[in-house]
Amino acid sequence: MTKSRGRPRKSTTSPTGRGAEQDILHAAGDLFVRHGFARTSTRAVAEAAGLQQASVYHWFRSKEDVLLRLVLGTVLPSRRLAERLLEADAPGHVTLWALCFADTRLLVEDPQNLGALYFSPELRGTGFEEFHENRDALERIYGTLLERASGHPATAFEAAVVMGLVENVILQRQRAEPRLPEDAPARIADAALRLAGAGDRVTERTRTLALELLEHLAPPE
């Protein structure tokens, strides 16, 4: 059963042009990143979305439910791509480079830098198990691709280090300076191979193969 349209708007214009649910997510993402989850009220989210406060609870059970939707929206695309790379018929160093590049690019290009919400203390509470399950699954794939690239077993710590290298761009974006270079995704992917002990595979050939693989795996528009 689909939801009804909900409460009337305060504004007649949808800020995102995609309807009330997406307006709420967009407004909440901006406010949570800039002010923090705890300091943002549902009233503030509703006002930023041009809606009545009751509309937030029409679409979401709670403010925590909004946060869950936002963090799942950042980790699920990465996990889905990682799973496809895991099954790809390509050398380990190519798939690791491809994952690090694509994951970094996703975080860099997110206009709201929603990855910053990963550090919200509220995520340590109950109700966010689905997020942690997906992020843990992504980290395990990092570990598997790291093993394939290095040729030796990778510990959970090593997988976390490589994934942390990628996610460091979240913190870098929160700083006014220095600005991230345009080739940050490629640089980080290169660094991941060096961490894997495959520095000799940091070549234009590796980059070309990885980019071709990502283009091949890209979902149709």
C-alpha atoms as a PDB file:
ATOM      1  CA  MET A   1       0.000   0.000   0.000  1.00  0.00           C
ATOM      2  CA  THR A   2       1.465   3.378  -0.965  1.00  0.00           C
ATOM      3  CA  LYS A   3       1.509   6.289   1.409  1.00  0.00           C
ATOM      4  CA  SER A   4      -0.833   9.196   0.962  1.00  0.00           C
ATOM      5  CA  ARG A   5       0.452  12.625   0.093  1.00  0.00           C
ATOM      6  CA  GLY A   6       0.757  13.677   3.736  1.00  0.00           C
ATOM      7  CA  ARG A   7       0.261  17.061   5.348  1.00  0.00           C
ATOM      8  CA  PRO A   8       0.018  20.217   3.262  1.00  0.00           C
ATOM      9  CA  ARG A   9       3.229  22.097   2.532  1.00  0.00           C
ATOM     10  CA  LYS A  10       4.190  25.394   4.063  1.00  0.00           C
ATOM     11  CA  SER A  11       5.702  26.130   0.653  1.00  0.00           C
ATOM     12  CA  THR A  12       4.174  25.231  -2.693  1.00  0.00           C
ATOM     13  CA  THR A  13       7.605  24.420  -4.145  1.00  0.00           C
ATOM     14  CA  SER A  14       9.544  21.220  -3.554  1.00  0.00           C
ATOM     15  CA  PRO A  15      13.198  22.140  -2.830  1.00  0.00           C
ATOM     16  CA  THR A  16      14.468  18.996  -4.571  1.00  0.00           C
ATOM     17  CA  GLY A  17      11.719  18.671  -7.140  1.00  0.00           C
ATOM     18  CA  ARG A  18      11.360  15.002  -6.102  1.00  0.00           C
ATOM     19  CA  GLY A  19       8.576  15.170  -3.542  1.00  0.00           C
ATOM     20  CA  ALA A  20       8.189  15.461   0.218  1.00  0.00           C
ATOM     21  CA  GLU A  21      10.107  12.324   1.233  1.00  0.00           C
ATOM     22  CA  GLN A  22      13.224  13.363  -0.681  1.00  0.00           C
ATOM     23  CA  ASP A  23      12.838  16.958   0.504  1.00  0.00           C
ATOM     24  CA  ILE A  24      12.951  15.730   4.102  1.00  0.00           C
ATOM     25  CA  LEU A  25      16.036  13.576   3.477  1.00  0.00           C
ATOM     26  CA  HIS A  26      17.844  16.402   1.702  1.00  0.00           C
ATOM     27  CA  ALA A  27      17.025  18.948   4.409  1.00  0.00           C
ATOM     28  CA  ALA A  28      17.942  16.542   7.210  1.00  0.00           C
ATOM     29  CA  GLY A  29      21.214  15.580   5.550  1.00  0.00           C
ATOM     30  CA  ASP A  30      22.262  19.207   5.272  1.00  0.00           C
ATOM     31  CA  LEU A  31      21.300  20.026   8.869  1.00  0.00           C
ATOM     32  CA  PHE A  32      22.747  16.845  10.401  1.00  0.00           C
ATOM     33  CA  VAL A  33      26.102  17.381   8.681  1.00  0.00           C
ATOM     34  CA  ARG A  34      26.321  21.089   9.521  1.00  0.00           C
ATOM     35  CA  HIS A  35      24.879  21.115  13.045  1.00  0.00           C
ATOM     36  CA  GLY A  36      24.892  17.516  14.232  1.00  0.00           C
ATOM     37  CA  PHE A  37      22.080  15.046  14.674  1.00  0.00           C
ATOM     38  CA  ALA A  38      21.377  15.846  18.334  1.00  0.00           C
ATOM     39  CA  ARG A  39      21.192  19.604  17.712  1.00  0.00           C
ATOM     40  CA  THR A  40      18.736  19.292  14.832  1.00  0.00           C
ATOM     41  CA  SER A  41      15.028  19.089  15.594  1.00  0.00           C
ATOM     42  CA  THR A  42      12.369  17.596  13.373  1.00  0.00           C
ATOM     43  CA  ARG A  43      10.807  21.058  13.310  1.00  0.00           C
ATOM     44  CA  ALA A  44      13.985  22.468  11.805  1.00  0.00           C
ATOM     45  CA  VAL A  45      14.060  19.659   9.233  1.00  0.00           C
ATOM     46  CA  ALA A  46      10.436  20.302   8.290  1.00  0.00           C
ATOM     47  CA  GLU A  47      10.981  24.044   7.937  1.00  0.00           C
ATOM     48  CA  ALA A  48      14.042  23.521   5.735  1.00  0.00           C
ATOM     49  CA  ALA A  49      12.002  21.134   3.578  1.00  0.00           C
ATOM     50  CA  GLY A  50       9.107  23.579   3.321  1.00  0.00           C
ATOM     51  CA  LEU A  51       6.768  21.193   5.128  1.00  0.00           C
ATOM     52  CA  GLN A  52       4.675  20.931   8.257  1.00  0.00           C
ATOM     53  CA  GLN A  53       6.433  19.135  11.123  1.00  0.00           C
ATOM     54  CA  ALA A  54       3.810  16.385  11.036  1.00  0.00           C
ATOM     55  CA  SER A  55       4.944  15.504   7.521  1.00  0.00           C
ATOM     56  CA  VAL A  56       8.277  14.244   8.860  1.00  0.00           C
ATOM     57  CA  TYR A  57       6.418  11.674  10.954  1.00  0.00           C
ATOM     58  CA  HIS A  58       4.146  10.819   8.041  1.00  0.00           C
ATOM     59  CA  TRP A  59       7.157   9.628   6.028  1.00  0.00           C
ATOM     60  CA  PHE A  60       9.491   8.502   8.826  1.00  0.00           C
ATOM     61  CA  ARG A  61       8.873   6.840  12.169  1.00  0.00           C
ATOM     62  CA  SER A  62      11.443   8.974  13.960  1.00  0.00           C
ATOM     63  CA  LYS A  63      14.414  11.278  13.509  1.00  0.00           C
ATOM     64  CA  GLU A  64      16.621   8.192  13.929  1.00  0.00           C
ATOM     65  CA  ASP A  65      14.827   6.591  10.991  1.00  0.00           C
ATOM     66  CA  VAL A  66      15.784   9.590   8.844  1.00  0.00           C
ATOM     67  CA  LEU A  67      19.427   9.197   9.884  1.00  0.00           C
ATOM     68  CA  LEU A  68      19.342   5.488   9.055  1.00  0.00           C
ATOM     69  CA  ARG A  69      17.994   6.199   5.562  1.00  0.00           C
ATOM     70  CA  LEU A  70      20.742   8.736   4.966  1.00  0.00           C
ATOM     71  CA  VAL A  71      23.659   6.521   6.011  1.00  0.00           C
ATOM     72  CA  LEU A  72      22.248   3.521   4.162  1.00  0.00           C
ATOM     73  CA  GLY A  73      22.075   5.709   1.077  1.00  0.00           C
ATOM     74  CA  THR A  74      25.833   6.218   1.265  1.00  0.00           C
ATOM     75  CA  VAL A  75      26.969   2.658   2.050  1.00  0.00           C
ATOM     76  CA  LEU A  76      24.614   0.555  -0.101  1.00  0.00           C
ATOM     77  CA  PRO A  77      25.850   1.811  -3.494  1.00  0.00           C
ATOM     78  CA  SER A  78      29.432   1.040  -2.432  1.00  0.00           C
ATOM     79  CA  ARG A  79      28.536  -2.437  -1.223  1.00  0.00           C
ATOM     80  CA  ARG A  80      26.634  -3.267  -4.419  1.00  0.00           C
ATOM     81  CA  LEU A  81      29.540  -2.175  -6.579  1.00  0.00           C
ATOM     82  CA  ALA A  82      32.002  -4.039  -4.348  1.00  0.00           C
ATOM     83  CA  GLU A  83      29.991  -7.241  -4.745  1.00  0.00           C
ATOM     84  CA  ARG A  84      30.094  -6.891  -8.520  1.00  0.00           C
ATOM     85  CA  LEU A  85      33.847  -6.276  -8.449  1.00  0.00           C
ATOM     86  CA  LEU A  86      34.243  -9.356  -6.260  1.00  0.00           C
ATOM     87  CA  GLU A  87      32.687 -11.459  -9.037  1.00  0.00           C
ATOM     88  CA  ALA A  88      34.484  -9.708 -11.890  1.00  0.00           C
ATOM     89  CA  ASP A  89      36.918 -11.612 -14.057  1.00  0.00           C
ATOM     90  CA  ALA A  90      39.847  -9.261 -13.444  1.00  0.00           C
ATOM     91  CA  PRO A  91      43.178  -9.329 -11.575  1.00  0.00           C
ATOM     92  CA  GLY A  92      43.081  -8.574  -7.859  1.00  0.00           C
ATOM     93  CA  HIS A  93      45.119  -5.384  -8.101  1.00  0.00           C
ATOM     94  CA  VAL A  94      42.751  -4.061 -10.762  1.00  0.00           C
ATOM     95  CA  THR A  95      39.603  -4.762  -8.743  1.00  0.00           C
ATOM     96  CA  LEU A  96      41.106  -3.263  -5.565  1.00  0.00           C
ATOM     97  CA  TRP A  97      42.123  -0.115  -7.443  1.00  0.00           C
ATOM     98  CA  ALA A  98      38.677   0.079  -9.009  1.00  0.00           C
ATOM     99  CA  LEU A  99      36.866  -0.215  -5.675  1.00  0.00           C
ATOM    100  CA  CYS A 100      39.054   2.366  -3.949  1.00  0.00           C
ATOM    101  CA  PHE A 101      38.697   4.768  -6.865  1.00  0.00           C
ATOM    102  CA  ALA A 102      34.925   4.379  -7.186  1.00  0.00           C
ATOM    103  CA  ASP A 103      34.288   4.513  -3.444  1.00  0.00           C
ATOM    104  CA  THR A 104      36.436   7.631  -3.056  1.00  0.00           C
ATOM    105  CA  ARG A 105      34.759   9.287  -6.029  1.00  0.00           C
ATOM    106  CA  LEU A 106      31.338   8.557  -4.544  1.00  0.00           C
ATOM    107  CA  LEU A 107      32.321  10.234  -1.263  1.00  0.00           C
ATOM    108  CA  VAL A 108      34.006  13.178  -2.963  1.00  0.00           C
ATOM    109  CA  GLU A 109      31.128  13.889  -5.322  1.00  0.00           C
ATOM    110  CA  ASP A 110      28.363  13.707  -2.691  1.00  0.00           C
ATOM    111  CA  PRO A 111      27.262  17.367  -2.517  1.00  0.00           C
ATOM    112  CA  GLN A 112      26.262  17.095   1.147  1.00  0.00           C
ATOM    113  CA  ASN A 113      29.237  14.984   2.335  1.00  0.00           C
ATOM    114  CA  LEU A 114      26.814  12.598   4.029  1.00  0.00           C
ATOM    115  CA  GLY A 115      29.696  10.273   4.881  1.00  0.00           C
ATOM    116  CA  ALA A 116      30.320  12.636   7.792  1.00  0.00           C
ATOM    117  CA  LEU A 117      27.271  11.057   9.430  1.00  0.00           C
ATOM    118  CA  TYR A 118      29.293   7.842   9.894  1.00  0.00           C
ATOM    119  CA  PHE A 119      30.873   9.553  12.885  1.00  0.00           C
ATOM    120  CA  SER A 120      27.568  10.366  14.581  1.00  0.00           C
ATOM    121  CA  PRO A 121      27.614   8.876  18.098  1.00  0.00           C
ATOM    122  CA  GLU A 122      23.958   7.979  17.673  1.00  0.00           C
ATOM    123  CA  LEU A 123      24.953   5.225  15.231  1.00  0.00           C
ATOM    124  CA  ARG A 124      26.365   3.288  18.192  1.00  0.00           C
ATOM    125  CA  GLY A 125      22.865   2.907  19.573  1.00  0.00           C
ATOM    126  CA  THR A 126      20.170   0.401  18.697  1.00  0.00           C
ATOM    127  CA  GLY A 127      18.230   0.668  15.472  1.00  0.00           C
ATOM    128  CA  PHE A 128      21.223   1.045  13.183  1.00  0.00           C
ATOM    129  CA  GLU A 129      22.099  -2.634  12.802  1.00  0.00           C
ATOM    130  CA  GLU A 130      21.273  -2.610   9.096  1.00  0.00           C
ATOM    131  CA  PHE A 131      23.848   0.112   8.476  1.00  0.00           C
ATOM    132  CA  HIS A 132      26.565  -1.709  10.423  1.00  0.00           C
ATOM    133  CA  GLU A 133      25.811  -5.011   8.687  1.00  0.00           C
ATOM    134  CA  ASN A 134      26.236  -3.393   5.276  1.00  0.00           C
ATOM    135  CA  ARG A 135      29.355  -1.473   6.234  1.00  0.00           C
ATOM    136  CA  ASP A 136      30.913  -4.612   7.752  1.00  0.00           C
ATOM    137  CA  ALA A 137      30.112  -6.525   4.555  1.00  0.00           C
ATOM    138  CA  LEU A 138      31.806  -3.798   2.513  1.00  0.00           C
ATOM    139  CA  GLU A 139      34.889  -3.967   4.739  1.00  0.00           C
ATOM    140  CA  ARG A 140      35.090  -7.738   4.280  1.00  0.00           C
ATOM    141  CA  ILE A 141      35.081  -7.271   0.511  1.00  0.00           C
ATOM    142  CA  TYR A 142      37.893  -4.751   0.869  1.00  0.00           C
ATOM    143  CA  GLY A 143      39.767  -7.476   2.735  1.00  0.00           C
ATOM    144  CA  THR A 144      39.148 -10.077   0.045  1.00  0.00           C
ATOM    145  CA  LEU A 145      40.271  -7.770  -2.759  1.00  0.00           C
ATOM    146  CA  LEU A 146      43.283  -6.782  -0.677  1.00  0.00           C
ATOM    147  CA  GLU A 147      44.241 -10.455  -0.392  1.00  0.00           C
ATOM    148  CA  ARG A 148      43.911 -10.918  -4.131  1.00  0.00           C
ATOM    149  CA  ALA A 149      46.039  -7.855  -4.825  1.00  0.00           C
ATOM    150  CA  SER A 150      48.770  -8.711  -2.321  1.00  0.00           C
ATOM    151  CA  GLY A 151      48.823 -12.478  -2.729  1.00  0.00           C
ATOM    152  CA  HIS A 152      48.731 -13.117   1.009  1.00  0.00           C
ATOM    153  CA  PRO A 153      45.991 -13.245   3.682  1.00  0.00           C
ATOM    154  CA  ALA A 154      44.761  -9.870   4.866  1.00  0.00           C
ATOM    155  CA  THR A 155      43.822  -9.239   8.475  1.00  0.00           C
ATOM    156  CA  ALA A 156      40.707  -7.342   9.503  1.00  0.00           C
ATOM    157  CA  PHE A 157      43.009  -4.529  10.609  1.00  0.00           C
ATOM    158  CA  GLU A 158      44.608  -4.287   7.152  1.00  0.00           C
ATOM    159  CA  ALA A 159      41.197  -4.192   5.470  1.00  0.00           C
ATOM    160  CA  ALA A 160      40.079  -1.459   7.863  1.00  0.00           C
ATOM    161  CA  VAL A 161      43.229   0.566   7.119  1.00  0.00           C
ATOM    162  CA  VAL A 162      42.596   0.493   3.358  1.00  0.00           C
ATOM    163  CA  MET A 163      38.913   1.310   3.779  1.00  0.00           C
ATOM    164  CA  GLY A 164      39.885   4.045   6.227  1.00  0.00           C
ATOM    165  CA  LEU A 165      42.230   5.508   3.631  1.00  0.00           C
ATOM    166  CA  VAL A 166      39.244   5.901   1.334  1.00  0.00           C
ATOM    167  CA  GLU A 167      36.931   7.294   4.009  1.00  0.00           C
ATOM    168  CA  ASN A 168      39.524   9.835   5.101  1.00  0.00           C
ATOM    169  CA  VAL A 169      38.265  12.068   2.295  1.00  0.00           C
ATOM    170  CA  ILE A 170      35.146  12.616   4.409  1.00  0.00           C
ATOM    171  CA  LEU A 171      37.227  14.352   7.082  1.00  0.00           C
ATOM    172  CA  GLN A 172      39.297  16.189   4.488  1.00  0.00           C
ATOM    173  CA  ARG A 173      36.117  17.640   3.001  1.00  0.00           C
ATOM    174  CA  GLN A 174      35.077  18.968   6.397  1.00  0.00           C
ATOM    175  CA  ARG A 175      38.202  21.096   6.498  1.00  0.00           C
ATOM    176  CA  ALA A 176      38.240  24.410   4.670  1.00  0.00           C
ATOM    177  CA  GLU A 177      41.823  23.770   3.535  1.00  0.00           C
ATOM    178  CA  PRO A 178      43.446  22.056   1.813  1.00  0.00           C
ATOM    179  CA  ARG A 179      40.970  21.423  -0.958  1.00  0.00           C
ATOM    180  CA  LEU A 180      40.959  17.909  -2.330  1.00  0.00           C
ATOM    181  CA  PRO A 181      42.781  17.639  -5.653  1.00  0.00           C
ATOM    182  CA  GLU A 182      40.724  16.590  -8.651  1.00  0.00           C
ATOM    183  CA  ASP A 183      42.714  13.374  -8.941  1.00  0.00           C
ATOM    184  CA  ALA A 184      42.154  12.414  -5.294  1.00  0.00           C
ATOM    185  CA  PRO A 185      40.272   9.164  -6.163  1.00  0.00           C
ATOM    186  CA  ALA A 186      43.130   7.965  -8.384  1.00  0.00           C
ATOM    187  CA  ARG A 187      45.775   8.966  -5.835  1.00  0.00           C
ATOM    188  CA  ILE A 188      44.001   7.089  -3.072  1.00  0.00           C
ATOM    189  CA  ALA A 189      43.563   4.009  -5.252  1.00  0.00           C
ATOM    190  CA  ASP A 190      47.306   4.154  -6.044  1.00  0.00           C
ATOM    191  CA  ALA A 191      48.081   4.428  -2.319  1.00  0.00           C
ATOM    192  CA  ALA A 192      45.889   1.411  -1.570  1.00  0.00           C
ATOM    193  CA  LEU A 193      47.964  -0.729  -3.927  1.00  0.00           C
ATOM    194  CA  ARG A 194      51.138   0.459  -2.244  1.00  0.00           C
ATOM    195  CA  LEU A 195      49.676  -0.463   1.147  1.00  0.00           C
ATOM    196  CA  ALA A 196      48.868  -3.879  -0.289  1.00  0.00           C
ATOM    197  CA  GLY A 197      52.509  -4.328  -1.213  1.00  0.00           C
ATOM    198  CA  ALA A 198      51.655  -4.083  -4.891  1.00  0.00           C
ATOM    199  CA  GLY A 199      53.347  -0.768  -5.573  1.00  0.00           C
ATOM    200  CA  ASP A 200      54.830  -2.169  -8.788  1.00  0.00           C
ATOM    201  CA  ARG A 201      51.268  -2.450 -10.114  1.00  0.00           C
ATOM    202  CA  VAL A 202      50.670   1.303  -9.806  1.00  0.00           C
ATOM    203  CA  THR A 203      50.763   1.892 -13.538  1.00  0.00           C
ATOM    204  CA  GLU A 204      48.738   3.539 -16.267  1.00  0.00           C
ATOM    205  CA  ARG A 205      47.829   0.054 -17.447  1.00  0.00           C
ATOM    206  CA  THR A 206      46.248  -0.757 -14.070  1.00  0.00           C
ATOM    207  CA  ARG A 207      44.318   2.520 -14.054  1.00  0.00           C
ATOM    208  CA  THR A 208      43.065   1.981 -17.596  1.00  0.00           C
ATOM    209  CA  LEU A 209      41.904  -1.564 -16.917  1.00  0.00           C
ATOM    210  CA  ALA A 210      40.187  -0.527 -13.685  1.00  0.00           C
ATOM    211  CA  LEU A 211      38.367   2.386 -15.283  1.00  0.00           C
ATOM    212  CA  GLU A 212      37.250   0.186 -18.169  1.00  0.00           C
ATOM    213  CA  LEU A 213      35.983  -2.372 -15.659  1.00  0.00           C
ATOM    214  CA  LEU A 214      34.009   0.275 -13.760  1.00  0.00           C
ATOM    215  CA  GLU A 215      32.479   1.532 -16.990  1.00  0.00           C
ATOM    216  CA  HIS A 216      31.494  -2.024 -17.884  1.00  0.00           C
ATOM    217  CA  LEU A 217      29.903  -2.596 -14.468  1.00  0.00           C
ATOM    218  CA  ALA A 218      28.081   0.729 -14.381  1.00  0.00           C
ATOM    219  CA  PRO A 219      24.295   0.184 -14.228  1.00  0.00           C
ATOM    220  CA  PRO A 220      22.366   1.364 -17.293  1.00  0.00           C
ATOM    221  CA  GLU A 221      20.909   4.849 -17.005  1.00  0.00           C
END
